[in-house]
Amino acid sequence: MRKDIGKVPAVFPMPVLMVAAYDENDKVNVMNAAWGMICDTDKIALFIDEDHKTTKNIRAVKAFTVSLADRAHMAEADFFGIATGNKMPDKFARTGFHAVKSEFVNAPVIDEFPVAMECELAEIVDTENLHAIVGKIVNVSADEKILDEKNKIDPAKIDALIFDQFRNGYYTIGEKAGKAWNAGKDLMKS
């Protein structure tokens, strides 16, 4: 039997994305954003409010990175969501993390996170119901430890965090359940 539970953001899992950008003085700011998604083979959309320090930085410098948070760095990833760069100017420095400038865009790559998408600002969509930052992915860099023998990212090695909007929890992904574009192919037969 089903039970009505009201209006809740009932999407699970949500990614735990670390969005990083420089300000006008090349100072690093990072925020934790769960509301983001790949929107084409070479684009990512971040549904983040225009008042965030990171959003302001992206508007100013026209570039950013999006990293996948992992279990090993959960405390810092959570801190990047709790603290605001608008009120805490040393937010990034407090973690002791390290950033290097991307070779492809004017944005910081956070060394500690295993995967980073390096993006140019493509557009900002601002309507009554939506504020989205769309980035064109110029490059993806990954820690060698999470690559397989063909230099492809192995999701099981990332130990990526996922966000639970129902009870505000972090989880990690589990085992592979099946192969995409294959698990349902028997249903294609008439």
C-alpha atoms as a PDB file:
ATOM      1  CA  MET A   1       0.000   0.000   0.000  1.00  0.00           C
ATOM      2  CA  ARG A   2       1.258   3.506  -0.851  1.00  0.00           C
ATOM      3  CA  LYS A   3       1.123   6.458   1.508  1.00  0.00           C
ATOM      4  CA  ASP A   4       1.120  10.143   0.567  1.00  0.00           C
ATOM      5  CA  ILE A   5       4.019  12.010   2.201  1.00  0.00           C
ATOM      6  CA  GLY A   6       3.540  15.464   0.722  1.00  0.00           C
ATOM      7  CA  LYS A   7       5.819  17.592  -1.434  1.00  0.00           C
ATOM      8  CA  VAL A   8       9.414  16.438  -1.051  1.00  0.00           C
ATOM      9  CA  PRO A   9      12.334  16.438  -3.509  1.00  0.00           C
ATOM     10  CA  ALA A  10      12.040  12.689  -4.100  1.00  0.00           C
ATOM     11  CA  VAL A  11      15.063  12.044  -6.306  1.00  0.00           C
ATOM     12  CA  PHE A  12      17.653   9.594  -5.063  1.00  0.00           C
ATOM     13  CA  PRO A  13      20.541   9.405  -5.410  1.00  0.00           C
ATOM     14  CA  MET A  14      21.781  12.951  -5.843  1.00  0.00           C
ATOM     15  CA  PRO A  15      25.440  13.591  -6.644  1.00  0.00           C
ATOM     16  CA  VAL A  16      27.739  15.309  -4.178  1.00  0.00           C
ATOM     17  CA  LEU A  17      29.440  17.810  -6.454  1.00  0.00           C
ATOM     18  CA  MET A  18      32.244  20.140  -5.438  1.00  0.00           C
ATOM     19  CA  VAL A  19      31.974  23.294  -7.533  1.00  0.00           C
ATOM     20  CA  ALA A  20      35.144  25.412  -7.498  1.00  0.00           C
ATOM     21  CA  ALA A  21      35.965  28.780  -9.027  1.00  0.00           C
ATOM     22  CA  TYR A  22      38.447  31.581  -8.600  1.00  0.00           C
ATOM     23  CA  ASP A  23      37.374  35.064  -7.669  1.00  0.00           C
ATOM     24  CA  GLU A  24      38.762  38.135  -9.436  1.00  0.00           C
ATOM     25  CA  ASN A  25      41.941  37.826  -7.303  1.00  0.00           C
ATOM     26  CA  ASP A  26      42.518  34.106  -8.054  1.00  0.00           C
ATOM     27  CA  LYS A  27      41.314  33.071  -4.589  1.00  0.00           C
ATOM     28  CA  VAL A  28      39.719  29.600  -4.525  1.00  0.00           C
ATOM     29  CA  ASN A  29      36.157  29.049  -3.360  1.00  0.00           C
ATOM     30  CA  VAL A  30      34.407  25.677  -3.304  1.00  0.00           C
ATOM     31  CA  MET A  31      30.796  24.791  -2.618  1.00  0.00           C
ATOM     32  CA  ASN A  32      28.932  21.510  -2.152  1.00  0.00           C
ATOM     33  CA  ALA A  33      26.061  21.201  -4.631  1.00  0.00           C
ATOM     34  CA  ALA A  34      23.762  18.210  -4.978  1.00  0.00           C
ATOM     35  CA  TRP A  35      21.514  19.768  -7.597  1.00  0.00           C
ATOM     36  CA  GLY A  36      23.521  19.241 -10.761  1.00  0.00           C
ATOM     37  CA  MET A  37      23.398  16.954 -13.767  1.00  0.00           C
ATOM     38  CA  ILE A  38      25.071  16.200 -17.072  1.00  0.00           C
ATOM     39  CA  CYS A  39      22.842  17.777 -19.712  1.00  0.00           C
ATOM     40  CA  ASP A  40      24.675  16.716 -22.888  1.00  0.00           C
ATOM     41  CA  THR A  41      27.780  14.695 -23.645  1.00  0.00           C
ATOM     42  CA  ASP A  42      29.901  17.791 -23.073  1.00  0.00           C
ATOM     43  CA  LYS A  43      27.817  19.953 -20.719  1.00  0.00           C
ATOM     44  CA  ILE A  44      26.847  20.054 -17.064  1.00  0.00           C
ATOM     45  CA  ALA A  45      24.043  22.080 -15.495  1.00  0.00           C
ATOM     46  CA  LEU A  46      24.255  23.262 -11.898  1.00  0.00           C
ATOM     47  CA  PHE A  47      21.030  24.382 -10.293  1.00  0.00           C
ATOM     48  CA  ILE A  48      22.549  26.707  -7.719  1.00  0.00           C
ATOM     49  CA  ASP A  49      21.316  29.990  -6.345  1.00  0.00           C
ATOM     50  CA  GLU A  50      22.722  33.246  -7.700  1.00  0.00           C
ATOM     51  CA  ASP A  51      23.632  34.472  -4.193  1.00  0.00           C
ATOM     52  CA  HIS A  52      26.366  31.843  -3.637  1.00  0.00           C
ATOM     53  CA  LYS A  53      29.927  33.157  -3.595  1.00  0.00           C
ATOM     54  CA  THR A  54      30.854  30.438  -6.082  1.00  0.00           C
ATOM     55  CA  THR A  55      28.087  31.568  -8.448  1.00  0.00           C
ATOM     56  CA  LYS A  56      29.353  35.135  -8.249  1.00  0.00           C
ATOM     57  CA  ASN A  57      32.872  33.913  -9.008  1.00  0.00           C
ATOM     58  CA  ILE A  58      31.692  31.874 -11.994  1.00  0.00           C
ATOM     59  CA  ARG A  59      29.903  34.921 -13.379  1.00  0.00           C
ATOM     60  CA  ALA A  60      33.096  36.973 -12.981  1.00  0.00           C
ATOM     61  CA  VAL A  61      35.718  34.552 -14.341  1.00  0.00           C
ATOM     62  CA  LYS A  62      33.545  32.513 -16.755  1.00  0.00           C
ATOM     63  CA  ALA A  63      35.022  29.142 -15.715  1.00  0.00           C
ATOM     64  CA  PHE A  64      34.722  26.516 -12.971  1.00  0.00           C
ATOM     65  CA  THR A  65      35.445  22.911 -12.075  1.00  0.00           C
ATOM     66  CA  VAL A  66      33.065  20.259 -10.806  1.00  0.00           C
ATOM     67  CA  SER A  67      34.592  17.439  -8.782  1.00  0.00           C
ATOM     68  CA  LEU A  68      33.057  14.271  -7.402  1.00  0.00           C
ATOM     69  CA  ALA A  69      33.285  14.064  -3.620  1.00  0.00           C
ATOM     70  CA  ASP A  70      34.447  10.786  -2.121  1.00  0.00           C
ATOM     71  CA  ARG A  71      34.145   9.036   1.238  1.00  0.00           C
ATOM     72  CA  ALA A  72      37.760   9.799   2.185  1.00  0.00           C
ATOM     73  CA  HIS A  73      37.008  13.534   2.065  1.00  0.00           C
ATOM     74  CA  MET A  74      33.427  13.551   3.358  1.00  0.00           C
ATOM     75  CA  ALA A  75      34.105  15.944   6.264  1.00  0.00           C
ATOM     76  CA  GLU A  76      35.634  18.568   3.970  1.00  0.00           C
ATOM     77  CA  ALA A  77      32.931  18.075   1.343  1.00  0.00           C
ATOM     78  CA  ASP A  78      30.254  18.592   3.977  1.00  0.00           C
ATOM     79  CA  PHE A  79      32.085  21.649   5.320  1.00  0.00           C
ATOM     80  CA  PHE A  80      32.053  23.149   1.805  1.00  0.00           C
ATOM     81  CA  GLY A  81      28.252  22.871   2.030  1.00  0.00           C
ATOM     82  CA  ILE A  82      27.899  24.224   5.571  1.00  0.00           C
ATOM     83  CA  ALA A  83      30.220  27.226   5.286  1.00  0.00           C
ATOM     84  CA  THR A  84      29.555  30.105   2.931  1.00  0.00           C
ATOM     85  CA  GLY A  85      32.287  31.976   1.123  1.00  0.00           C
ATOM     86  CA  ASN A  86      30.168  35.114   1.472  1.00  0.00           C
ATOM     87  CA  LYS A  87      30.852  35.110   5.238  1.00  0.00           C
ATOM     88  CA  MET A  88      34.014  33.006   5.561  1.00  0.00           C
ATOM     89  CA  PRO A  89      36.773  34.303   3.273  1.00  0.00           C
ATOM     90  CA  ASP A  90      39.266  31.581   4.311  1.00  0.00           C
ATOM     91  CA  LYS A  91      36.825  28.721   3.697  1.00  0.00           C
ATOM     92  CA  PHE A  92      39.073  26.778   1.303  1.00  0.00           C
ATOM     93  CA  ALA A  93      42.252  27.367   3.330  1.00  0.00           C
ATOM     94  CA  ARG A  94      40.631  25.951   6.498  1.00  0.00           C
ATOM     95  CA  THR A  95      40.498  22.484   4.950  1.00  0.00           C
ATOM     96  CA  GLY A  96      44.204  22.293   4.153  1.00  0.00           C
ATOM     97  CA  PHE A  97      43.279  21.129   0.644  1.00  0.00           C
ATOM     98  CA  HIS A  98      45.392  21.896  -2.392  1.00  0.00           C
ATOM     99  CA  ALA A  99      44.322  23.430  -5.691  1.00  0.00           C
ATOM    100  CA  VAL A 100      46.167  23.695  -8.981  1.00  0.00           C
ATOM    101  CA  LYS A 101      45.105  25.844 -11.882  1.00  0.00           C
ATOM    102  CA  SER A 102      43.531  23.875 -14.703  1.00  0.00           C
ATOM    103  CA  GLU A 103      45.580  23.774 -17.886  1.00  0.00           C
ATOM    104  CA  PHE A 104      42.348  24.151 -19.869  1.00  0.00           C
ATOM    105  CA  VAL A 105      40.208  26.775 -18.095  1.00  0.00           C
ATOM    106  CA  ASN A 106      40.723  29.558 -15.554  1.00  0.00           C
ATOM    107  CA  ALA A 107      39.551  27.485 -12.603  1.00  0.00           C
ATOM    108  CA  PRO A 108      41.047  25.477  -9.725  1.00  0.00           C
ATOM    109  CA  VAL A 109      41.306  21.684  -9.731  1.00  0.00           C
ATOM    110  CA  ILE A 110      41.100  20.372  -6.158  1.00  0.00           C
ATOM    111  CA  ASP A 111      43.806  17.709  -5.792  1.00  0.00           C
ATOM    112  CA  GLU A 112      42.050  15.744  -3.070  1.00  0.00           C
ATOM    113  CA  PHE A 113      38.909  14.901  -5.076  1.00  0.00           C
ATOM    114  CA  PRO A 114      39.353  11.994  -7.529  1.00  0.00           C
ATOM    115  CA  VAL A 115      37.542  13.351 -10.618  1.00  0.00           C
ATOM    116  CA  ALA A 116      37.278  16.916 -11.911  1.00  0.00           C
ATOM    117  CA  MET A 117      35.346  18.289 -14.881  1.00  0.00           C
ATOM    118  CA  GLU A 118      36.997  21.476 -16.086  1.00  0.00           C
ATOM    119  CA  CYS A 119      34.372  23.795 -17.553  1.00  0.00           C
ATOM    120  CA  GLU A 120      33.929  27.038 -19.423  1.00  0.00           C
ATOM    121  CA  LEU A 121      30.760  28.955 -18.636  1.00  0.00           C
ATOM    122  CA  ALA A 122      28.372  28.286 -21.534  1.00  0.00           C
ATOM    123  CA  GLU A 123      25.330  30.161 -20.237  1.00  0.00           C
ATOM    124  CA  ILE A 124      23.284  31.093 -17.219  1.00  0.00           C
ATOM    125  CA  VAL A 125      19.596  30.341 -17.411  1.00  0.00           C
ATOM    126  CA  ASP A 126      17.618  32.632 -15.138  1.00  0.00           C
ATOM    127  CA  THR A 127      13.824  32.398 -15.218  1.00  0.00           C
ATOM    128  CA  GLU A 128      11.054  32.676 -12.653  1.00  0.00           C
ATOM    129  CA  ASN A 129      11.422  28.971 -11.831  1.00  0.00           C
ATOM    130  CA  LEU A 130      15.037  28.166 -12.615  1.00  0.00           C
ATOM    131  CA  HIS A 131      18.561  29.443 -12.050  1.00  0.00           C
ATOM    132  CA  ALA A 132      21.074  27.203 -13.788  1.00  0.00           C
ATOM    133  CA  ILE A 133      24.722  27.541 -14.625  1.00  0.00           C
ATOM    134  CA  VAL A 134      25.598  25.544 -17.711  1.00  0.00           C
ATOM    135  CA  GLY A 135      29.215  24.658 -18.275  1.00  0.00           C
ATOM    136  CA  LYS A 136      30.891  23.247 -21.357  1.00  0.00           C
ATOM    137  CA  ILE A 137      33.182  20.439 -20.222  1.00  0.00           C
ATOM    138  CA  VAL A 138      36.583  21.122 -21.779  1.00  0.00           C
ATOM    139  CA  ASN A 139      38.526  18.386 -19.981  1.00  0.00           C
ATOM    140  CA  VAL A 140      38.130  15.731 -17.304  1.00  0.00           C
ATOM    141  CA  SER A 141      41.076  14.872 -15.086  1.00  0.00           C
ATOM    142  CA  ALA A 142      41.159  11.863 -12.788  1.00  0.00           C
ATOM    143  CA  ASP A 143      43.455  10.387 -10.177  1.00  0.00           C
ATOM    144  CA  GLU A 144      45.219   7.368 -11.693  1.00  0.00           C
ATOM    145  CA  LYS A 145      44.084   5.261  -8.705  1.00  0.00           C
ATOM    146  CA  ILE A 146      40.489   5.268  -9.979  1.00  0.00           C
ATOM    147  CA  LEU A 147      41.276   4.311 -13.586  1.00  0.00           C
ATOM    148  CA  ASP A 148      40.966   0.816 -15.012  1.00  0.00           C
ATOM    149  CA  GLU A 149      43.431  -0.869 -17.369  1.00  0.00           C
ATOM    150  CA  LYS A 150      41.913   1.041 -20.344  1.00  0.00           C
ATOM    151  CA  ASN A 151      42.283   4.428 -18.563  1.00  0.00           C
ATOM    152  CA  LYS A 152      38.531   4.670 -18.040  1.00  0.00           C
ATOM    153  CA  ILE A 153      37.109   5.793 -14.726  1.00  0.00           C
ATOM    154  CA  ASP A 154      36.007   2.845 -12.588  1.00  0.00           C
ATOM    155  CA  PRO A 155      33.020   4.012 -10.484  1.00  0.00           C
ATOM    156  CA  ALA A 156      33.715   1.334  -7.860  1.00  0.00           C
ATOM    157  CA  LYS A 157      37.172   2.829  -7.223  1.00  0.00           C
ATOM    158  CA  ILE A 158      35.904   6.399  -6.722  1.00  0.00           C
ATOM    159  CA  ASP A 159      33.948   5.599  -3.542  1.00  0.00           C
ATOM    160  CA  ALA A 160      31.792   8.557  -4.560  1.00  0.00           C
ATOM    161  CA  LEU A 161      29.401  10.140  -2.131  1.00  0.00           C
ATOM    162  CA  ILE A 162      25.728  10.412  -2.962  1.00  0.00           C
ATOM    163  CA  PHE A 163      23.273  12.626  -1.133  1.00  0.00           C
ATOM    164  CA  ASP A 164      20.012  11.508   0.434  1.00  0.00           C
ATOM    165  CA  GLN A 165      17.511  14.393   0.384  1.00  0.00           C
ATOM    166  CA  PHE A 166      14.997  12.420   2.441  1.00  0.00           C
ATOM    167  CA  ARG A 167      17.030  12.310   5.659  1.00  0.00           C
ATOM    168  CA  ASN A 168      20.083  14.459   4.831  1.00  0.00           C
ATOM    169  CA  GLY A 169      22.551  11.584   4.677  1.00  0.00           C
ATOM    170  CA  TYR A 170      25.612  10.672   2.654  1.00  0.00           C
ATOM    171  CA  TYR A 171      25.979   7.236   1.126  1.00  0.00           C
ATOM    172  CA  THR A 172      28.449   5.645  -1.239  1.00  0.00           C
ATOM    173  CA  ILE A 173      27.663   3.686  -4.342  1.00  0.00           C
ATOM    174  CA  GLY A 174      27.557  -0.076  -4.140  1.00  0.00           C
ATOM    175  CA  GLU A 175      28.195  -2.885  -6.524  1.00  0.00           C
ATOM    176  CA  LYS A 176      27.336  -2.865 -10.210  1.00  0.00           C
ATOM    177  CA  ALA A 177      23.773  -4.122 -10.645  1.00  0.00           C
ATOM    178  CA  GLY A 178      23.687  -4.564 -14.415  1.00  0.00           C
ATOM    179  CA  LYS A 179      24.813  -3.312 -17.796  1.00  0.00           C
ATOM    180  CA  ALA A 180      23.095  -0.263 -19.289  1.00  0.00           C
ATOM    181  CA  TRP A 181      21.465  -0.715 -22.709  1.00  0.00           C
ATOM    182  CA  ASN A 182      21.622  -4.453 -22.114  1.00  0.00           C
ATOM    183  CA  ALA A 183      19.653  -5.341 -18.952  1.00  0.00           C
ATOM    184  CA  GLY A 184      16.314  -4.788 -20.708  1.00  0.00           C
ATOM    185  CA  LYS A 185      17.119  -6.076 -24.175  1.00  0.00           C
ATOM    186  CA  ASP A 186      15.114  -9.297 -23.746  1.00  0.00           C
ATOM    187  CA  LEU A 187      11.994  -7.123 -23.490  1.00  0.00           C
ATOM    188  CA  MET A 188      12.769  -5.810 -26.996  1.00  0.00           C
ATOM    189  CA  LYS A 189      11.990  -9.248 -28.450  1.00  0.00           C
ATOM    190  CA  SER A 190       8.432  -9.718 -29.642  1.00  0.00           C
END
